[in-house]
C-alpha atoms as a PDB file:
ATOM      1  CA  UNK A   1      -0.177   0.075  -0.173  1.00  0.00           C
ATOM      2  CA  UNK A   2       3.042   2.752   0.887  1.00  0.00           C
ATOM      3  CA  UNK A   3       4.583   1.466  -2.284  1.00  0.00           C
ATOM      4  CA  UNK A   4       1.097   2.286  -4.244  1.00  0.00           C
ATOM      5  CA  UNK A   5       0.818   5.675  -2.352  1.00  0.00           C
ATOM      6  CA  UNK A   6       4.627   6.522  -3.002  1.00  0.00           C
ATOM      7  CA  UNK A   7       4.453   5.909  -6.697  1.00  0.00           C
ATOM      8  CA  UNK A   8       0.975   7.701  -7.302  1.00  0.00           C
ATOM      9  CA  UNK A   9       2.385  10.267  -5.199  1.00  0.00           C
ATOM     10  CA  UNK A  10       5.479  10.797  -7.479  1.00  0.00           C
ATOM     11  CA  UNK A  11       3.083  10.493 -10.692  1.00  0.00           C
ATOM     12  CA  UNK A  12       1.326  13.382  -8.902  1.00  0.00           C
ATOM     13  CA  UNK A  13       4.322  15.572  -8.392  1.00  0.00           C
ATOM     14  CA  UNK A  14       5.933  14.608 -12.306  1.00  0.00           C
ATOM     15  CA  UNK A  15       2.499  15.637 -13.820  1.00  0.00           C
ATOM     16  CA  UNK A  16       2.438  19.240 -11.545  1.00  0.00           C
ATOM     17  CA  UNK A  17       5.285  19.695 -12.455  1.00  0.00           C
ATOM     18  CA  UNK A  18       4.745  19.555 -16.261  1.00  0.00           C
ATOM     19  CA  UNK A  19       1.594  20.825 -16.027  1.00  0.00           C
ATOM     20  CA  UNK A  20       3.004  24.087 -14.378  1.00  0.00           C
ATOM     21  CA  UNK A  21       5.873  24.385 -17.002  1.00  0.00           C
ATOM     22  CA  UNK A  22       3.509  24.160 -20.081  1.00  0.00           C
ATOM     23  CA  UNK A  23       1.290  26.719 -17.971  1.00  0.00           C
ATOM     24  CA  UNK A  24       4.226  28.819 -17.200  1.00  0.00           C
ATOM     25  CA  UNK A  25       5.281  28.936 -20.879  1.00  0.00           C
ATOM     26  CA  UNK A  26       5.619  32.907 -21.182  1.00  0.00           C
ATOM     27  CA  UNK A  27       2.953  34.625 -22.757  1.00  0.00           C
ATOM     28  CA  UNK A  28       5.807  35.853 -24.933  1.00  0.00           C
ATOM     29  CA  UNK A  29       6.183  32.909 -26.770  1.00  0.00           C
ATOM     30  CA  UNK A  30       2.730  33.364 -27.792  1.00  0.00           C
ATOM     31  CA  UNK A  31       2.236  37.032 -28.241  1.00  0.00           C
ATOM     32  CA  UNK A  32       2.676  37.656 -31.554  1.00  0.00           C
ATOM     33  CA  UNK A  33       3.301  41.430 -31.206  1.00  0.00           C
ATOM     34  CA  UNK A  34       6.942  39.953 -29.725  1.00  0.00           C
ATOM     35  CA  UNK A  35       7.489  38.086 -32.632  1.00  0.00           C
ATOM     36  CA  UNK A  36       7.540  40.881 -34.725  1.00  0.00           C
ATOM     37  CA  UNK A  37       9.312  43.053 -32.410  1.00  0.00           C
ATOM     38  CA  UNK A  38      11.855  40.263 -32.312  1.00  0.00           C
ATOM     39  CA  UNK A  39      11.661  39.977 -36.104  1.00  0.00           C
ATOM     40  CA  UNK A  40      12.179  43.905 -36.341  1.00  0.00           C
ATOM     41  CA  UNK A  41      15.415  43.997 -33.918  1.00  0.00           C
ATOM     42  CA  UNK A  42      16.910  41.335 -35.955  1.00  0.00           C
ATOM     43  CA  UNK A  43      16.365  43.220 -38.909  1.00  0.00           C
ATOM     44  CA  UNK A  44      17.897  46.167 -37.540  1.00  0.00           C
ATOM     45  CA  UNK A  45      21.217  44.939 -36.224  1.00  0.00           C
ATOM     46  CA  UNK A  46      21.991  41.861 -38.349  1.00  0.00           C
ATOM     47  CA  UNK A  47      24.766  43.568 -41.290  1.00  0.00           C
ATOM     48  CA  UNK A  48      24.333  45.080 -43.277  1.00  0.00           C
ATOM     49  CA  UNK A  49      23.791  41.838 -45.592  1.00  0.00           C
ATOM     50  CA  UNK A  50      24.607  41.180 -48.820  1.00  0.00           C
ATOM     51  CA  UNK A  51      21.686  42.468 -50.270  1.00  0.00           C
ATOM     52  CA  UNK A  52      21.477  45.443 -48.171  1.00  0.00           C
ATOM     53  CA  UNK A  53      24.781  46.525 -48.748  1.00  0.00           C
ATOM     54  CA  UNK A  54      24.109  45.906 -52.885  1.00  0.00           C
ATOM     55  CA  UNK A  55      20.554  48.125 -51.905  1.00  0.00           C
ATOM     56  CA  UNK A  56      22.862  51.125 -50.308  1.00  0.00           C
ATOM     57  CA  UNK A  57      25.748  51.129 -53.434  1.00  0.00           C
ATOM     58  CA  UNK A  58      22.860  52.791 -56.102  1.00  0.00           C
ATOM     59  CA  UNK A  59      23.214  56.370 -56.523  1.00  0.00           C
ATOM     60  CA  UNK A  60      20.278  58.568 -54.752  1.00  0.00           C
ATOM     61  CA  UNK A  61      19.310  59.108 -51.295  1.00  0.00           C
ATOM     62  CA  UNK A  62      16.480  56.376 -51.441  1.00  0.00           C
ATOM     63  CA  UNK A  63      17.436  54.521 -55.102  1.00  0.00           C
ATOM     64  CA  UNK A  64      14.851  51.954 -56.139  1.00  0.00           C
ATOM     65  CA  UNK A  65      16.741  48.946 -54.819  1.00  0.00           C
ATOM     66  CA  UNK A  66      16.841  50.216 -51.418  1.00  0.00           C
ATOM     67  CA  UNK A  67      13.084  51.139 -51.733  1.00  0.00           C
ATOM     68  CA  UNK A  68      12.071  47.465 -52.410  1.00  0.00           C
ATOM     69  CA  UNK A  69      14.581  46.140 -49.365  1.00  0.00           C
ATOM     70  CA  UNK A  70      12.999  48.221 -47.192  1.00  0.00           C
ATOM     71  CA  UNK A  71       9.164  47.004 -48.542  1.00  0.00           C
ATOM     72  CA  UNK A  72      10.538  43.579 -48.372  1.00  0.00           C
ATOM     73  CA  UNK A  73      11.532  43.055 -44.941  1.00  0.00           C
ATOM     74  CA  UNK A  74       9.867  46.075 -42.955  1.00  0.00           C
ATOM     75  CA  UNK A  75       6.466  46.805 -44.557  1.00  0.00           C
ATOM     76  CA  UNK A  76       5.030  43.515 -43.030  1.00  0.00           C
ATOM     77  CA  UNK A  77       6.468  44.817 -39.327  1.00  0.00           C
ATOM     78  CA  UNK A  78       5.563  48.489 -39.466  1.00  0.00           C
ATOM     79  CA  UNK A  79       2.445  50.298 -40.075  1.00  0.00           C
ATOM     80  CA  UNK A  80       4.295  53.120 -41.943  1.00  0.00           C
ATOM     81  CA  UNK A  81       7.767  52.724 -43.622  1.00  0.00           C
ATOM     82  CA  UNK A  82       8.148  55.520 -45.202  1.00  0.00           C
ATOM     83  CA  UNK A  83       7.314  57.494 -41.658  1.00  0.00           C
ATOM     84  CA  UNK A  84       9.822  55.148 -40.077  1.00  0.00           C
ATOM     85  CA  UNK A  85      12.407  55.934 -42.802  1.00  0.00           C
ATOM     86  CA  UNK A  86      11.791  59.708 -42.279  1.00  0.00           C
ATOM     87  CA  UNK A  87      12.767  59.483 -38.222  1.00  0.00           C
ATOM     88  CA  UNK A  88      15.312  57.234 -38.763  1.00  0.00           C
ATOM     89  CA  UNK A  89      14.027  54.473 -36.608  1.00  0.00           C
ATOM     90  CA  UNK A  90      14.837  51.491 -39.808  1.00  0.00           C
ATOM     91  CA  UNK A  91      18.051  51.379 -41.607  1.00  0.00           C
ATOM     92  CA  UNK A  92      19.627  54.038 -39.301  1.00  0.00           C
ATOM     93  CA  UNK A  93      22.413  51.622 -37.770  1.00  0.00           C
ATOM     94  CA  UNK A  94      22.829  49.667 -40.780  1.00  0.00           C
ATOM     95  CA  UNK A  95      23.361  52.285 -42.984  1.00  0.00           C
ATOM     96  CA  UNK A  96      25.928  53.659 -40.199  1.00  0.00           C
ATOM     97  CA  UNK A  97      27.429  50.564 -39.977  1.00  0.00           C
ATOM     98  CA  UNK A  98      27.822  50.429 -44.291  1.00  0.00           C
ATOM     99  CA  UNK A  99      29.355  54.009 -44.482  1.00  0.00           C
ATOM    100  CA  UNK A 100      31.844  52.828 -41.939  1.00  0.00           C
ATOM    101  CA  UNK A 101      32.599  49.272 -42.883  1.00  0.00           C
ATOM    102  CA  UNK A 102      31.259  47.806 -39.759  1.00  0.00           C
ATOM    103  CA  UNK A 103      29.113  44.307 -39.351  1.00  0.00           C
ATOM    104  CA  UNK A 104      26.519  44.449 -36.604  1.00  0.00           C
ATOM    105  CA  UNK A 105      25.278  41.127 -35.034  1.00  0.00           C
ATOM    106  CA  UNK A 106      22.227  41.070 -31.847  1.00  0.00           C
ATOM    107  CA  UNK A 107      24.042  38.437 -29.542  1.00  0.00           C
ATOM    108  CA  UNK A 108      21.061  38.742 -26.584  1.00  0.00           C
ATOM    109  CA  UNK A 109      17.707  40.322 -27.593  1.00  0.00           C
ATOM    110  CA  UNK A 110      15.218  41.090 -24.226  1.00  0.00           C
ATOM    111  CA  UNK A 111      11.413  42.135 -24.975  1.00  0.00           C
ATOM    112  CA  UNK A 112       9.510  42.722 -21.888  1.00  0.00           C
ATOM    113  CA  UNK A 113       4.957  44.061 -22.383  1.00  0.00           C
ATOM    114  CA  UNK A 114       4.398  47.131 -20.247  1.00  0.00           C
ATOM    115  CA  UNK A 115       0.772  48.432 -21.607  1.00  0.00           C
ATOM    116  CA  UNK A 116      -1.269  46.904 -23.872  1.00  0.00           C
ATOM    117  CA  UNK A 117       0.465  47.666 -27.044  1.00  0.00           C
ATOM    118  CA  UNK A 118       3.821  49.171 -25.593  1.00  0.00           C
ATOM    119  CA  UNK A 119       7.248  47.105 -24.852  1.00  0.00           C
ATOM    120  CA  UNK A 120      10.666  48.037 -23.858  1.00  0.00           C
ATOM    121  CA  UNK A 121      13.436  46.181 -25.460  1.00  0.00           C
ATOM    122  CA  UNK A 122      16.872  45.752 -24.803  1.00  0.00           C
ATOM    123  CA  UNK A 123      19.590  44.710 -27.495  1.00  0.00           C
ATOM    124  CA  UNK A 124      23.336  43.691 -26.954  1.00  0.00           C
ATOM    125  CA  UNK A 125      24.441  44.360 -30.327  1.00  0.00           C
ATOM    126  CA  UNK A 126      27.975  43.194 -31.497  1.00  0.00           C
ATOM    127  CA  UNK A 127      29.931  45.617 -33.543  1.00  0.00           C
ATOM    128  CA  UNK A 128      32.756  44.153 -35.710  1.00  0.00           C
ATOM    129  CA  UNK A 129      35.397  45.771 -37.900  1.00  0.00           C
ATOM    130  CA  UNK A 130      39.029  44.717 -38.731  1.00  0.00           C
ATOM    131  CA  UNK A 131      38.804  41.556 -36.498  1.00  0.00           C
ATOM    132  CA  UNK A 132      37.892  43.519 -33.047  1.00  0.00           C
ATOM    133  CA  UNK A 133      34.469  43.108 -31.612  1.00  0.00           C
ATOM    134  CA  UNK A 134      33.271  45.540 -28.884  1.00  0.00           C
ATOM    135  CA  UNK A 135      29.268  45.297 -27.422  1.00  0.00           C
ATOM    136  CA  UNK A 136      26.404  47.943 -27.155  1.00  0.00           C
ATOM    137  CA  UNK A 137      23.549  47.763 -25.587  1.00  0.00           C
ATOM    138  CA  UNK A 138      20.741  49.747 -26.892  1.00  0.00           C
ATOM    139  CA  UNK A 139      17.218  49.916 -25.097  1.00  0.00           C
ATOM    140  CA  UNK A 140      13.975  52.201 -26.362  1.00  0.00           C
ATOM    141  CA  UNK A 141      10.376  51.275 -26.242  1.00  0.00           C
ATOM    142  CA  UNK A 142       7.966  50.357 -29.115  1.00  0.00           C
ATOM    143  CA  UNK A 143       4.239  50.690 -29.525  1.00  0.00           C
ATOM    144  CA  UNK A 144       2.061  48.558 -31.913  1.00  0.00           C
ATOM    145  CA  UNK A 145      -0.937  49.271 -33.361  1.00  0.00           C
ATOM    146  CA  UNK A 146      -4.053  46.686 -32.988  1.00  0.00           C
ATOM    147  CA  UNK A 147      -2.778  45.202 -35.890  1.00  0.00           C
ATOM    148  CA  UNK A 148       0.217  44.390 -34.507  1.00  0.00           C
ATOM    149  CA  UNK A 149       2.253  46.686 -36.594  1.00  0.00           C
ATOM    150  CA  UNK A 150       5.296  49.024 -35.165  1.00  0.00           C
ATOM    151  CA  UNK A 151       4.195  52.299 -35.091  1.00  0.00           C
ATOM    152  CA  UNK A 152       6.582  54.350 -33.024  1.00  0.00           C
ATOM    153  CA  UNK A 153      10.011  53.683 -31.709  1.00  0.00           C
ATOM    154  CA  UNK A 154      10.916  55.794 -28.645  1.00  0.00           C
ATOM    155  CA  UNK A 155      12.906  56.670 -25.601  1.00  0.00           C
ATOM    156  CA  UNK A 156      16.096  55.126 -27.508  1.00  0.00           C
ATOM    157  CA  UNK A 157      19.064  54.740 -25.857  1.00  0.00           C
ATOM    158  CA  UNK A 158      22.057  53.458 -28.103  1.00  0.00           C
ATOM    159  CA  UNK A 159      24.888  53.082 -25.730  1.00  0.00           C
ATOM    160  CA  UNK A 160      26.938  55.363 -28.148  1.00  0.00           C
ATOM    161  CA  UNK A 161      26.973  52.829 -30.598  1.00  0.00           C
ATOM    162  CA  UNK A 162      26.333  55.695 -33.416  1.00  0.00           C
ATOM    163  CA  UNK A 163      28.832  57.420 -31.970  1.00  0.00           C
ATOM    164  CA  UNK A 164      31.392  54.798 -31.724  1.00  0.00           C
ATOM    165  CA  UNK A 165      30.939  53.237 -34.896  1.00  0.00           C
ATOM    166  CA  UNK A 166      31.275  56.764 -36.537  1.00  0.00           C
ATOM    167  CA  UNK A 167      35.174  57.285 -35.353  1.00  0.00           C
END
């Protein structure tokens, strides 16, 4: 009888742990807004890729290849990519990296939901040039609309990344 009780108790504990673990799979894992932000941040802080480099090499302030790149990569993520370009919320870090011979790579991305459509994020970014790697931590708050598209990025602190890449 004690053996049956012990087995039953062990099974109960194991089942409780499994249920608790399943219930604790963070809402972040199921939050489409977090997935959108994650994708956006990966695009913003990875590269410049060969495709983006080719687009940036074209003549003009905003050549057709660059517009095509932005539409393809950012339209699914942001409400108005033109506004985001004009306010330097898209490709700012990529352009500076390209112009100064750097490569960017995010090493850690943390996204925290604050309010209904407000999210704080922190991204650790390695920036590499001539075999040397440094790290900066970028933080900001991002708002999304009801359709899950990024509307604005505010309160950004780039940990001096732009300035360091321009030196």
